[in-house]
């Protein structure tokens, strides 16, 4: 085994030198460089496995630390070998030193189940795209854990604040193409996280000057879901959204009308019918509820709106009168 170690180490050094030389070549030499990378990866794996098999952990640590390894292939290989041989703390140490955040968080989350340190690490990341990607990858797991869900929401809320600041300052910032609110919303799967999602959506709608329609619709859907539990509160808040000038042009009114009808949310149907000027639908709602005063008011309103349009006005009022007679 010692002779094998010597052979492998010598070959590692030779291949490392070749790789450094190849990396200085032009792009047309990429294929040769790739071949050398694969060869170096094989020798690295073999060398590290030899150290571990002989329980020469100190030599393994010295190799990683003293070599000052910067090559990504070698680092990834070292991390994988350490994971495969259950040297988890060493794998973490290598990933942390090399600033390989994906590997570092993956080990913390999937092997050590250390959600707290994972969140602390993600919170400190200054690269907004990297922070976004890691939260999307592990956010669902964070939100399932009661002991870290509040801390997770702080990190997510801070990320949202960063996105909104970028968007409000420069709506054409290229980074926004990859920072999608909908992906963030998709991690809120657990029942425990539903209230947290509502608060997050409220914050986005309040602070984002150009709030996407998907966010508005999702917020209304959550209000409708809770309509049976608290009819007055849900109805008032939905009405507030429907009549808000900031949102009214972004509402998918036909979808909402269908949603309200299916959910038995008559107040929503009434309010939306007014906004959409669906006079006959609105009249039918009042008739179904035997609201005679509102029927008369609707007829008068239609007459006013259609002044000068005798044909349309007569047709509408005749329709209303027939419905009214049938009701009586």
C-alpha atoms as a PDB file:
ATOM      1  CA  UNK A   1       0.000   0.000   0.000  1.00  0.00           C
ATOM      2  CA  UNK A   2       2.766   2.555   0.742  1.00  0.00           C
ATOM      3  CA  UNK A   3       4.217   1.969  -2.745  1.00  0.00           C
ATOM      4  CA  UNK A   4       0.779   2.444  -4.251  1.00  0.00           C
ATOM      5  CA  UNK A   5       0.413   5.682  -2.318  1.00  0.00           C
ATOM      6  CA  UNK A   6       3.761   6.911  -3.597  1.00  0.00           C
ATOM      7  CA  UNK A   7       2.833   5.997  -7.176  1.00  0.00           C
ATOM      8  CA  UNK A   8      -0.562   7.689  -6.983  1.00  0.00           C
ATOM      9  CA  UNK A   9       0.808  10.814  -5.334  1.00  0.00           C
ATOM     10  CA  UNK A  10       3.535  11.144  -7.958  1.00  0.00           C
ATOM     11  CA  UNK A  11       0.987  10.713 -10.751  1.00  0.00           C
ATOM     12  CA  UNK A  12      -1.315  13.231  -9.078  1.00  0.00           C
ATOM     13  CA  UNK A  13       1.462  15.828  -9.102  1.00  0.00           C
ATOM     14  CA  UNK A  14       2.301  15.122 -12.731  1.00  0.00           C
ATOM     15  CA  UNK A  15      -1.321  15.362 -13.807  1.00  0.00           C
ATOM     16  CA  UNK A  16      -1.866  18.517 -11.760  1.00  0.00           C
ATOM     17  CA  UNK A  17       1.088  20.183 -13.495  1.00  0.00           C
ATOM     18  CA  UNK A  18      -0.210  19.084 -16.905  1.00  0.00           C
ATOM     19  CA  UNK A  19      -3.649  20.435 -16.099  1.00  0.00           C
ATOM     20  CA  UNK A  20      -2.268  23.820 -15.079  1.00  0.00           C
ATOM     21  CA  UNK A  21      -0.363  24.006 -18.360  1.00  0.00           C
ATOM     22  CA  UNK A  22      -3.402  22.953 -20.382  1.00  0.00           C
ATOM     23  CA  UNK A  23      -5.577  25.566 -18.728  1.00  0.00           C
ATOM     24  CA  UNK A  24      -3.333  28.259 -20.147  1.00  0.00           C
ATOM     25  CA  UNK A  25      -4.063  27.165 -23.721  1.00  0.00           C
ATOM     26  CA  UNK A  26      -6.657  28.728 -26.013  1.00  0.00           C
ATOM     27  CA  UNK A  27     -10.271  27.558 -26.318  1.00  0.00           C
ATOM     28  CA  UNK A  28      -9.452  25.210 -29.196  1.00  0.00           C
ATOM     29  CA  UNK A  29      -7.541  23.081 -26.659  1.00  0.00           C
ATOM     30  CA  UNK A  30     -10.558  22.653 -24.365  1.00  0.00           C
ATOM     31  CA  UNK A  31     -10.951  18.985 -25.213  1.00  0.00           C
ATOM     32  CA  UNK A  32      -7.399  18.133 -24.140  1.00  0.00           C
ATOM     33  CA  UNK A  33      -7.896  20.109 -20.955  1.00  0.00           C
ATOM     34  CA  UNK A  34     -11.088  18.180 -20.216  1.00  0.00           C
ATOM     35  CA  UNK A  35      -9.283  14.872 -20.689  1.00  0.00           C
ATOM     36  CA  UNK A  36      -6.594  15.939 -18.239  1.00  0.00           C
ATOM     37  CA  UNK A  37      -9.263  17.050 -15.759  1.00  0.00           C
ATOM     38  CA  UNK A  38     -10.831  13.601 -15.857  1.00  0.00           C
ATOM     39  CA  UNK A  39      -7.416  11.957 -15.391  1.00  0.00           C
ATOM     40  CA  UNK A  40      -6.640  14.247 -12.441  1.00  0.00           C
ATOM     41  CA  UNK A  41     -10.036  13.482 -10.915  1.00  0.00           C
ATOM     42  CA  UNK A  42      -9.338   9.719 -11.065  1.00  0.00           C
ATOM     43  CA  UNK A  43      -5.933  10.044  -9.432  1.00  0.00           C
ATOM     44  CA  UNK A  44      -7.297  12.417  -6.773  1.00  0.00           C
ATOM     45  CA  UNK A  45     -10.059   9.974  -5.847  1.00  0.00           C
ATOM     46  CA  UNK A  46      -7.642   7.065  -5.716  1.00  0.00           C
ATOM     47  CA  UNK A  47      -5.119   8.971  -3.609  1.00  0.00           C
ATOM     48  CA  UNK A  48      -7.714  10.169  -1.095  1.00  0.00           C
ATOM     49  CA  UNK A  49      -9.209   6.689  -0.856  1.00  0.00           C
ATOM     50  CA  UNK A  50      -5.777   5.273  -0.137  1.00  0.00           C
ATOM     51  CA  UNK A  51      -5.314   7.744   2.715  1.00  0.00           C
ATOM     52  CA  UNK A  52      -8.692   6.852   4.169  1.00  0.00           C
ATOM     53  CA  UNK A  53      -8.221   3.079   3.782  1.00  0.00           C
ATOM     54  CA  UNK A  54      -4.929   3.373   5.676  1.00  0.00           C
ATOM     55  CA  UNK A  55      -6.623   5.644   8.219  1.00  0.00           C
ATOM     56  CA  UNK A  56      -4.076   8.339   7.441  1.00  0.00           C
ATOM     57  CA  UNK A  57      -6.563  11.128   8.075  1.00  0.00           C
ATOM     58  CA  UNK A  58      -3.838  13.590   9.028  1.00  0.00           C
ATOM     59  CA  UNK A  59      -2.179  13.103   5.648  1.00  0.00           C
ATOM     60  CA  UNK A  60      -5.534  13.566   3.957  1.00  0.00           C
ATOM     61  CA  UNK A  61      -6.081  16.858   5.826  1.00  0.00           C
ATOM     62  CA  UNK A  62      -2.539  17.979   5.062  1.00  0.00           C
ATOM     63  CA  UNK A  63      -3.054  17.153   1.400  1.00  0.00           C
ATOM     64  CA  UNK A  64      -6.189  19.265   1.204  1.00  0.00           C
ATOM     65  CA  UNK A  65      -4.858  22.167   3.262  1.00  0.00           C
ATOM     66  CA  UNK A  66      -1.205  22.348   2.235  1.00  0.00           C
ATOM     67  CA  UNK A  67      -1.849  21.810  -1.429  1.00  0.00           C
ATOM     68  CA  UNK A  68      -4.053  24.913  -1.361  1.00  0.00           C
ATOM     69  CA  UNK A  69      -6.229  23.256  -3.954  1.00  0.00           C
ATOM     70  CA  UNK A  70      -8.105  25.661  -6.220  1.00  0.00           C
ATOM     71  CA  UNK A  71      -9.091  23.340  -9.036  1.00  0.00           C
ATOM     72  CA  UNK A  72     -12.862  22.751  -8.880  1.00  0.00           C
ATOM     73  CA  UNK A  73     -12.625  19.154 -10.123  1.00  0.00           C
ATOM     74  CA  UNK A  74     -10.157  18.228  -7.388  1.00  0.00           C
ATOM     75  CA  UNK A  75     -12.197  19.948  -4.681  1.00  0.00           C
ATOM     76  CA  UNK A  76     -15.443  18.254  -5.724  1.00  0.00           C
ATOM     77  CA  UNK A  77     -13.685  14.893  -5.869  1.00  0.00           C
ATOM     78  CA  UNK A  78     -12.226  15.403  -2.387  1.00  0.00           C
ATOM     79  CA  UNK A  79     -15.645  16.320  -1.008  1.00  0.00           C
ATOM     80  CA  UNK A  80     -17.339  13.309  -2.610  1.00  0.00           C
ATOM     81  CA  UNK A  81     -14.661  10.905  -1.370  1.00  0.00           C
ATOM     82  CA  UNK A  82     -15.006  12.256   2.162  1.00  0.00           C
ATOM     83  CA  UNK A  83     -18.796  11.919   2.010  1.00  0.00           C
ATOM     84  CA  UNK A  84     -18.598   8.383   0.622  1.00  0.00           C
ATOM     85  CA  UNK A  85     -16.267   7.342   3.425  1.00  0.00           C
ATOM     86  CA  UNK A  86     -18.297   9.107   6.139  1.00  0.00           C
ATOM     87  CA  UNK A  87     -15.712  11.803   6.811  1.00  0.00           C
ATOM     88  CA  UNK A  88     -18.487  14.379   6.905  1.00  0.00           C
ATOM     89  CA  UNK A  89     -16.777  17.055   9.006  1.00  0.00           C
ATOM     90  CA  UNK A  90     -13.770  16.945   6.705  1.00  0.00           C
ATOM     91  CA  UNK A  91     -16.048  17.259   3.665  1.00  0.00           C
ATOM     92  CA  UNK A  92     -17.640  20.310   5.279  1.00  0.00           C
ATOM     93  CA  UNK A  93     -14.255  21.798   6.043  1.00  0.00           C
ATOM     94  CA  UNK A  94     -13.107  21.384   2.436  1.00  0.00           C
ATOM     95  CA  UNK A  95     -16.359  22.852   1.034  1.00  0.00           C
ATOM     96  CA  UNK A  96     -16.241  25.810   3.419  1.00  0.00           C
ATOM     97  CA  UNK A  97     -12.590  26.580   2.705  1.00  0.00           C
ATOM     98  CA  UNK A  98     -13.208  26.392  -1.051  1.00  0.00           C
ATOM     99  CA  UNK A  99     -16.361  28.553  -0.682  1.00  0.00           C
ATOM    100  CA  UNK A 100     -18.419  25.901  -2.462  1.00  0.00           C
ATOM    101  CA  UNK A 101     -21.741  26.932  -0.948  1.00  0.00           C
ATOM    102  CA  UNK A 102     -23.875  24.400  -2.824  1.00  0.00           C
ATOM    103  CA  UNK A 103     -21.844  21.489  -1.455  1.00  0.00           C
ATOM    104  CA  UNK A 104     -21.577  23.038   2.013  1.00  0.00           C
ATOM    105  CA  UNK A 105     -25.353  23.573   2.362  1.00  0.00           C
ATOM    106  CA  UNK A 106     -26.139  20.164   0.820  1.00  0.00           C
ATOM    107  CA  UNK A 107     -24.013  18.402   3.450  1.00  0.00           C
ATOM    108  CA  UNK A 108     -25.492  20.448   6.287  1.00  0.00           C
ATOM    109  CA  UNK A 109     -29.068  19.853   5.137  1.00  0.00           C
ATOM    110  CA  UNK A 110     -29.100  16.324   3.761  1.00  0.00           C
ATOM    111  CA  UNK A 111     -26.476  14.639   5.937  1.00  0.00           C
ATOM    112  CA  UNK A 112     -26.145  16.569   9.196  1.00  0.00           C
ATOM    113  CA  UNK A 113     -29.728  17.921   9.304  1.00  0.00           C
ATOM    114  CA  UNK A 114     -28.340  21.191  10.613  1.00  0.00           C
ATOM    115  CA  UNK A 115     -31.044  23.598   9.469  1.00  0.00           C
ATOM    116  CA  UNK A 116     -29.947  26.415  11.761  1.00  0.00           C
ATOM    117  CA  UNK A 117     -26.400  26.722  10.435  1.00  0.00           C
ATOM    118  CA  UNK A 118     -27.696  26.313   6.879  1.00  0.00           C
ATOM    119  CA  UNK A 119     -30.015  29.304   7.318  1.00  0.00           C
ATOM    120  CA  UNK A 120     -27.297  31.370   8.952  1.00  0.00           C
ATOM    121  CA  UNK A 121     -24.980  30.616   6.036  1.00  0.00           C
ATOM    122  CA  UNK A 122     -27.605  31.457   3.400  1.00  0.00           C
ATOM    123  CA  UNK A 123     -28.519  34.692   5.195  1.00  0.00           C
ATOM    124  CA  UNK A 124     -24.919  35.919   4.885  1.00  0.00           C
ATOM    125  CA  UNK A 125     -24.685  35.324   1.131  1.00  0.00           C
ATOM    126  CA  UNK A 126     -24.308  38.595  -0.782  1.00  0.00           C
ATOM    127  CA  UNK A 127     -24.887  37.105  -4.242  1.00  0.00           C
ATOM    128  CA  UNK A 128     -28.672  37.477  -4.558  1.00  0.00           C
ATOM    129  CA  UNK A 129     -28.981  34.830  -7.297  1.00  0.00           C
ATOM    130  CA  UNK A 130     -27.060  32.280  -5.219  1.00  0.00           C
ATOM    131  CA  UNK A 131     -29.185  33.069  -2.173  1.00  0.00           C
ATOM    132  CA  UNK A 132     -32.351  32.766  -4.282  1.00  0.00           C
ATOM    133  CA  UNK A 133     -31.318  29.375  -5.731  1.00  0.00           C
ATOM    134  CA  UNK A 134     -30.465  27.893  -2.334  1.00  0.00           C
ATOM    135  CA  UNK A 135     -33.742  29.079  -0.787  1.00  0.00           C
ATOM    136  CA  UNK A 136     -35.691  27.574  -3.670  1.00  0.00           C
ATOM    137  CA  UNK A 137     -33.770  24.300  -3.300  1.00  0.00           C
ATOM    138  CA  UNK A 138     -34.203  23.959   0.477  1.00  0.00           C
ATOM    139  CA  UNK A 139     -36.956  26.419   1.399  1.00  0.00           C
ATOM    140  CA  UNK A 140     -39.680  23.783   1.606  1.00  0.00           C
ATOM    141  CA  UNK A 141     -37.668  21.839   4.192  1.00  0.00           C
ATOM    142  CA  UNK A 142     -37.036  24.976   6.248  1.00  0.00           C
ATOM    143  CA  UNK A 143     -40.739  25.812   6.292  1.00  0.00           C
ATOM    144  CA  UNK A 144     -41.647  22.324   7.531  1.00  0.00           C
ATOM    145  CA  UNK A 145     -39.509  22.732  10.667  1.00  0.00           C
ATOM    146  CA  UNK A 146     -41.294  24.583  13.469  1.00  0.00           C
ATOM    147  CA  UNK A 147     -38.036  25.434  15.239  1.00  0.00           C
ATOM    148  CA  UNK A 148     -36.606  27.325  12.236  1.00  0.00           C
ATOM    149  CA  UNK A 149     -39.682  28.492  10.311  1.00  0.00           C
ATOM    150  CA  UNK A 150     -39.605  32.012  11.790  1.00  0.00           C
ATOM    151  CA  UNK A 151     -35.912  32.411  11.011  1.00  0.00           C
ATOM    152  CA  UNK A 152     -36.529  31.040   7.504  1.00  0.00           C
ATOM    153  CA  UNK A 153     -39.244  33.653   6.960  1.00  0.00           C
ATOM    154  CA  UNK A 154     -36.834  36.424   7.952  1.00  0.00           C
ATOM    155  CA  UNK A 155     -34.342  35.247   5.339  1.00  0.00           C
ATOM    156  CA  UNK A 156     -37.081  34.906   2.693  1.00  0.00           C
ATOM    157  CA  UNK A 157     -38.553  38.317   3.554  1.00  0.00           C
ATOM    158  CA  UNK A 158     -35.126  39.940   3.298  1.00  0.00           C
ATOM    159  CA  UNK A 159     -34.652  38.317  -0.107  1.00  0.00           C
ATOM    160  CA  UNK A 160     -38.028  39.682  -1.240  1.00  0.00           C
ATOM    161  CA  UNK A 161     -36.990  43.145  -0.026  1.00  0.00           C
ATOM    162  CA  UNK A 162     -33.794  42.900  -2.099  1.00  0.00           C
ATOM    163  CA  UNK A 163     -35.746  41.866  -5.201  1.00  0.00           C
ATOM    164  CA  UNK A 164     -38.286  44.681  -4.763  1.00  0.00           C
ATOM    165  CA  UNK A 165     -35.501  47.245  -4.311  1.00  0.00           C
ATOM    166  CA  UNK A 166     -33.832  46.094  -7.525  1.00  0.00           C
ATOM    167  CA  UNK A 167     -37.163  46.102  -9.359  1.00  0.00           C
ATOM    168  CA  UNK A 168     -38.256  49.543  -8.146  1.00  0.00           C
ATOM    169  CA  UNK A 169     -34.867  51.074  -8.992  1.00  0.00           C
ATOM    170  CA  UNK A 170     -34.486  49.447 -12.392  1.00  0.00           C
ATOM    171  CA  UNK A 171     -37.332  47.295 -13.788  1.00  0.00           C
ATOM    172  CA  UNK A 172     -35.068  46.251 -16.671  1.00  0.00           C
ATOM    173  CA  UNK A 173     -32.319  44.810 -14.466  1.00  0.00           C
ATOM    174  CA  UNK A 174     -31.317  41.487 -16.083  1.00  0.00           C
ATOM    175  CA  UNK A 175     -31.120  39.764 -12.701  1.00  0.00           C
ATOM    176  CA  UNK A 176     -34.904  40.012 -12.377  1.00  0.00           C
ATOM    177  CA  UNK A 177     -35.330  37.429 -15.161  1.00  0.00           C
ATOM    178  CA  UNK A 178     -34.051  34.787 -12.761  1.00  0.00           C
ATOM    179  CA  UNK A 179     -35.561  36.109  -9.534  1.00  0.00           C
ATOM    180  CA  UNK A 180     -39.130  34.923  -9.835  1.00  0.00           C
ATOM    181  CA  UNK A 181     -41.742  35.487  -7.101  1.00  0.00           C
ATOM    182  CA  UNK A 182     -43.679  32.420  -8.238  1.00  0.00           C
ATOM    183  CA  UNK A 183     -40.743  30.133  -7.504  1.00  0.00           C
ATOM    184  CA  UNK A 184     -40.588  31.514  -3.978  1.00  0.00           C
ATOM    185  CA  UNK A 185     -44.321  30.978  -3.501  1.00  0.00           C
ATOM    186  CA  UNK A 186     -43.963  27.369  -4.676  1.00  0.00           C
ATOM    187  CA  UNK A 187     -41.960  26.403  -1.564  1.00  0.00           C
ATOM    188  CA  UNK A 188     -44.919  27.176   0.713  1.00  0.00           C
ATOM    189  CA  UNK A 189     -46.392  23.684   0.673  1.00  0.00           C
ATOM    190  CA  UNK A 190     -46.967  22.812   4.312  1.00  0.00           C
ATOM    191  CA  UNK A 191     -50.124  23.808   6.178  1.00  0.00           C
ATOM    192  CA  UNK A 192     -47.954  25.442   8.839  1.00  0.00           C
ATOM    193  CA  UNK A 193     -46.565  27.877   6.290  1.00  0.00           C
ATOM    194  CA  UNK A 194     -49.901  29.098   4.888  1.00  0.00           C
ATOM    195  CA  UNK A 195     -50.228  32.055   7.286  1.00  0.00           C
ATOM    196  CA  UNK A 196     -46.616  32.982   6.547  1.00  0.00           C
ATOM    197  CA  UNK A 197     -47.383  32.984   2.817  1.00  0.00           C
ATOM    198  CA  UNK A 198     -50.327  35.332   3.320  1.00  0.00           C
ATOM    199  CA  UNK A 199     -48.111  37.836   5.146  1.00  0.00           C
ATOM    200  CA  UNK A 200     -45.446  37.550   2.440  1.00  0.00           C
ATOM    201  CA  UNK A 201     -47.975  38.187  -0.355  1.00  0.00           C
ATOM    202  CA  UNK A 202     -49.332  41.209   1.517  1.00  0.00           C
ATOM    203  CA  UNK A 203     -45.821  42.629   1.776  1.00  0.00           C
ATOM    204  CA  UNK A 204     -45.156  42.129  -1.934  1.00  0.00           C
ATOM    205  CA  UNK A 205     -48.466  43.742  -2.920  1.00  0.00           C
ATOM    206  CA  UNK A 206     -47.809  46.713  -0.655  1.00  0.00           C
ATOM    207  CA  UNK A 207     -44.167  47.359  -1.574  1.00  0.00           C
ATOM    208  CA  UNK A 208     -43.841  46.326  -5.216  1.00  0.00           C
ATOM    209  CA  UNK A 209     -44.975  49.235  -7.383  1.00  0.00           C
ATOM    210  CA  UNK A 210     -45.557  46.849 -10.292  1.00  0.00           C
ATOM    211  CA  UNK A 211     -46.867  43.795  -8.467  1.00  0.00           C
ATOM    212  CA  UNK A 212     -47.351  40.803 -10.831  1.00  0.00           C
ATOM    213  CA  UNK A 213     -50.921  39.639 -11.374  1.00  0.00           C
ATOM    214  CA  UNK A 214     -50.016  36.110 -10.212  1.00  0.00           C
ATOM    215  CA  UNK A 215     -49.294  37.462  -6.738  1.00  0.00           C
ATOM    216  CA  UNK A 216     -52.610  39.332  -6.611  1.00  0.00           C
ATOM    217  CA  UNK A 217     -54.612  36.323  -7.781  1.00  0.00           C
ATOM    218  CA  UNK A 218     -52.876  34.010  -5.307  1.00  0.00           C
ATOM    219  CA  UNK A 219     -53.703  36.389  -2.466  1.00  0.00           C
ATOM    220  CA  UNK A 220     -57.365  36.491  -3.469  1.00  0.00           C
ATOM    221  CA  UNK A 221     -57.418  32.686  -3.701  1.00  0.00           C
ATOM    222  CA  UNK A 222     -56.172  32.421  -0.115  1.00  0.00           C
ATOM    223  CA  UNK A 223     -58.887  34.824   1.047  1.00  0.00           C
ATOM    224  CA  UNK A 224     -61.500  32.745  -0.755  1.00  0.00           C
ATOM    225  CA  UNK A 225     -60.145  29.572   0.891  1.00  0.00           C
ATOM    226  CA  UNK A 226     -60.835  31.149   4.280  1.00  0.00           C
ATOM    227  CA  UNK A 227     -64.194  32.638   3.274  1.00  0.00           C
ATOM    228  CA  UNK A 228     -66.230  29.951   5.061  1.00  0.00           C
ATOM    229  CA  UNK A 229     -64.241  30.542   8.281  1.00  0.00           C
ATOM    230  CA  UNK A 230     -64.520  34.315   8.339  1.00  0.00           C
ATOM    231  CA  UNK A 231     -66.935  35.611   5.710  1.00  0.00           C
ATOM    232  CA  UNK A 232     -66.964  39.285   6.693  1.00  0.00           C
ATOM    233  CA  UNK A 233     -63.185  39.696   6.976  1.00  0.00           C
ATOM    234  CA  UNK A 234     -62.451  37.834   3.722  1.00  0.00           C
ATOM    235  CA  UNK A 235     -65.179  39.687   1.811  1.00  0.00           C
ATOM    236  CA  UNK A 236     -63.940  43.109   2.954  1.00  0.00           C
ATOM    237  CA  UNK A 237     -60.318  42.369   2.068  1.00  0.00           C
ATOM    238  CA  UNK A 238     -61.190  40.950  -1.346  1.00  0.00           C
ATOM    239  CA  UNK A 239     -63.357  43.995  -2.071  1.00  0.00           C
ATOM    240  CA  UNK A 240     -60.424  46.216  -1.106  1.00  0.00           C
ATOM    241  CA  UNK A 241     -58.199  44.473  -3.674  1.00  0.00           C
ATOM    242  CA  UNK A 242     -60.852  44.503  -6.404  1.00  0.00           C
ATOM    243  CA  UNK A 243     -61.421  48.244  -6.052  1.00  0.00           C
ATOM    244  CA  UNK A 244     -57.753  49.228  -5.666  1.00  0.00           C
ATOM    245  CA  UNK A 245     -56.588  51.276  -8.663  1.00  0.00           C
ATOM    246  CA  UNK A 246     -53.122  49.743  -8.328  1.00  0.00           C
ATOM    247  CA  UNK A 247     -54.464  46.243  -9.030  1.00  0.00           C
ATOM    248  CA  UNK A 248     -57.661  46.580 -11.048  1.00  0.00           C
ATOM    249  CA  UNK A 249     -55.992  46.428 -14.469  1.00  0.00           C
ATOM    250  CA  UNK A 250     -54.100  43.266 -13.509  1.00  0.00           C
ATOM    251  CA  UNK A 251     -57.071  41.192 -12.415  1.00  0.00           C
ATOM    252  CA  UNK A 252     -58.094  38.194 -14.477  1.00  0.00           C
ATOM    253  CA  UNK A 253     -61.740  39.067 -13.991  1.00  0.00           C
ATOM    254  CA  UNK A 254     -63.220  36.086 -15.841  1.00  0.00           C
ATOM    255  CA  UNK A 255     -61.156  33.659 -13.777  1.00  0.00           C
ATOM    256  CA  UNK A 256     -62.101  35.418 -10.545  1.00  0.00           C
ATOM    257  CA  UNK A 257     -65.771  35.458 -11.469  1.00  0.00           C
ATOM    258  CA  UNK A 258     -65.661  31.703 -12.009  1.00  0.00           C
ATOM    259  CA  UNK A 259     -63.719  31.226  -8.728  1.00  0.00           C
ATOM    260  CA  UNK A 260     -66.236  33.280  -6.748  1.00  0.00           C
ATOM    261  CA  UNK A 261     -69.218  31.433  -8.234  1.00  0.00           C
ATOM    262  CA  UNK A 262     -67.722  28.005  -7.571  1.00  0.00           C
ATOM    263  CA  UNK A 263     -66.847  29.021  -3.998  1.00  0.00           C
ATOM    264  CA  UNK A 264     -70.308  30.455  -3.307  1.00  0.00           C
ATOM    265  CA  UNK A 265     -68.777  33.868  -2.656  1.00  0.00           C
ATOM    266  CA  UNK A 266     -71.780  35.946  -3.754  1.00  0.00           C
ATOM    267  CA  UNK A 267     -70.404  39.234  -2.466  1.00  0.00           C
ATOM    268  CA  UNK A 268     -67.382  38.762  -4.700  1.00  0.00           C
ATOM    269  CA  UNK A 269     -69.565  37.931  -7.684  1.00  0.00           C
ATOM    270  CA  UNK A 270     -71.647  41.055  -7.023  1.00  0.00           C
ATOM    271  CA  UNK A 271     -68.647  43.352  -6.683  1.00  0.00           C
ATOM    272  CA  UNK A 272     -66.911  41.937  -9.746  1.00  0.00           C
ATOM    273  CA  UNK A 273     -70.105  42.116 -11.828  1.00  0.00           C
ATOM    274  CA  UNK A 274     -70.302  45.824 -10.994  1.00  0.00           C
ATOM    275  CA  UNK A 275     -66.680  46.357 -12.016  1.00  0.00           C
ATOM    276  CA  UNK A 276     -67.160  44.400 -15.250  1.00  0.00           C
ATOM    277  CA  UNK A 277     -70.526  46.082 -15.890  1.00  0.00           C
ATOM    278  CA  UNK A 278     -72.269  42.742 -16.234  1.00  0.00           C
ATOM    279  CA  UNK A 279     -75.709  44.263 -15.739  1.00  0.00           C
ATOM    280  CA  UNK A 280     -77.780  41.182 -16.445  1.00  0.00           C
ATOM    281  CA  UNK A 281     -75.584  38.975 -14.242  1.00  0.00           C
ATOM    282  CA  UNK A 282     -75.853  41.542 -11.471  1.00  0.00           C
ATOM    283  CA  UNK A 283     -79.623  41.689 -11.809  1.00  0.00           C
ATOM    284  CA  UNK A 284     -79.849  37.910 -11.658  1.00  0.00           C
ATOM    285  CA  UNK A 285     -77.884  37.907  -8.394  1.00  0.00           C
ATOM    286  CA  UNK A 286     -80.298  40.443  -6.851  1.00  0.00           C
ATOM    287  CA  UNK A 287     -83.275  38.441  -8.055  1.00  0.00           C
ATOM    288  CA  UNK A 288     -81.908  35.214  -6.618  1.00  0.00           C
ATOM    289  CA  UNK A 289     -81.550  37.014  -3.286  1.00  0.00           C
ATOM    290  CA  UNK A 290     -84.997  38.720  -3.545  1.00  0.00           C
ATOM    291  CA  UNK A 291     -83.423  42.162  -3.199  1.00  0.00           C
ATOM    292  CA  UNK A 292     -86.199  44.188  -4.880  1.00  0.00           C
ATOM    293  CA  UNK A 293     -84.772  47.602  -4.056  1.00  0.00           C
ATOM    294  CA  UNK A 294     -81.482  46.732  -5.718  1.00  0.00           C
ATOM    295  CA  UNK A 295     -83.340  45.381  -8.750  1.00  0.00           C
ATOM    296  CA  UNK A 296     -85.040  48.767  -9.189  1.00  0.00           C
ATOM    297  CA  UNK A 297     -81.731  50.566  -8.667  1.00  0.00           C
ATOM    298  CA  UNK A 298     -80.058  48.388 -11.286  1.00  0.00           C
ATOM    299  CA  UNK A 299     -82.745  49.118 -13.840  1.00  0.00           C
ATOM    300  CA  UNK A 300     -82.412  52.847 -13.208  1.00  0.00           C
ATOM    301  CA  UNK A 301     -78.615  52.622 -13.469  1.00  0.00           C
ATOM    302  CA  UNK A 302     -78.872  50.847 -16.816  1.00  0.00           C
ATOM    303  CA  UNK A 303     -81.251  53.513 -18.090  1.00  0.00           C
ATOM    304  CA  UNK A 304     -78.761  56.241 -17.138  1.00  0.00           C
ATOM    305  CA  UNK A 305     -75.788  54.454 -18.713  1.00  0.00           C
ATOM    306  CA  UNK A 306     -77.643  53.864 -21.942  1.00  0.00           C
ATOM    307  CA  UNK A 307     -79.144  57.307 -22.459  1.00  0.00           C
ATOM    308  CA  UNK A 308     -79.011  58.080 -26.151  1.00  0.00           C
ATOM    309  CA  UNK A 309     -78.804  54.378 -26.988  1.00  0.00           C
ATOM    310  CA  UNK A 310     -82.486  53.713 -27.260  1.00  0.00           C
ATOM    311  CA  UNK A 311     -82.237  50.309 -28.865  1.00  0.00           C
ATOM    312  CA  UNK A 312     -79.767  48.906 -26.291  1.00  0.00           C
ATOM    313  CA  UNK A 313     -81.555  50.566 -23.382  1.00  0.00           C
ATOM    314  CA  UNK A 314     -84.965  49.260 -24.419  1.00  0.00           C
ATOM    315  CA  UNK A 315     -83.614  45.754 -24.932  1.00  0.00           C
ATOM    316  CA  UNK A 316     -81.954  45.646 -21.509  1.00  0.00           C
ATOM    317  CA  UNK A 317     -84.888  47.116 -19.617  1.00  0.00           C
ATOM    318  CA  UNK A 318     -87.324  44.784 -21.386  1.00  0.00           C
ATOM    319  CA  UNK A 319     -85.155  41.846 -20.308  1.00  0.00           C
ATOM    320  CA  UNK A 320     -85.127  43.109 -16.729  1.00  0.00           C
ATOM    321  CA  UNK A 321     -88.888  43.620 -16.717  1.00  0.00           C
ATOM    322  CA  UNK A 322     -89.511  40.098 -17.959  1.00  0.00           C
ATOM    323  CA  UNK A 323     -87.237  38.650 -15.288  1.00  0.00           C
ATOM    324  CA  UNK A 324     -88.861  40.814 -12.662  1.00  0.00           C
ATOM    325  CA  UNK A 325     -92.365  39.719 -13.694  1.00  0.00           C
ATOM    326  CA  UNK A 326     -91.304  36.051 -13.590  1.00  0.00           C
ATOM    327  CA  UNK A 327     -89.909  36.604 -10.105  1.00  0.00           C
ATOM    328  CA  UNK A 328     -93.165  38.085  -8.848  1.00  0.00           C
END
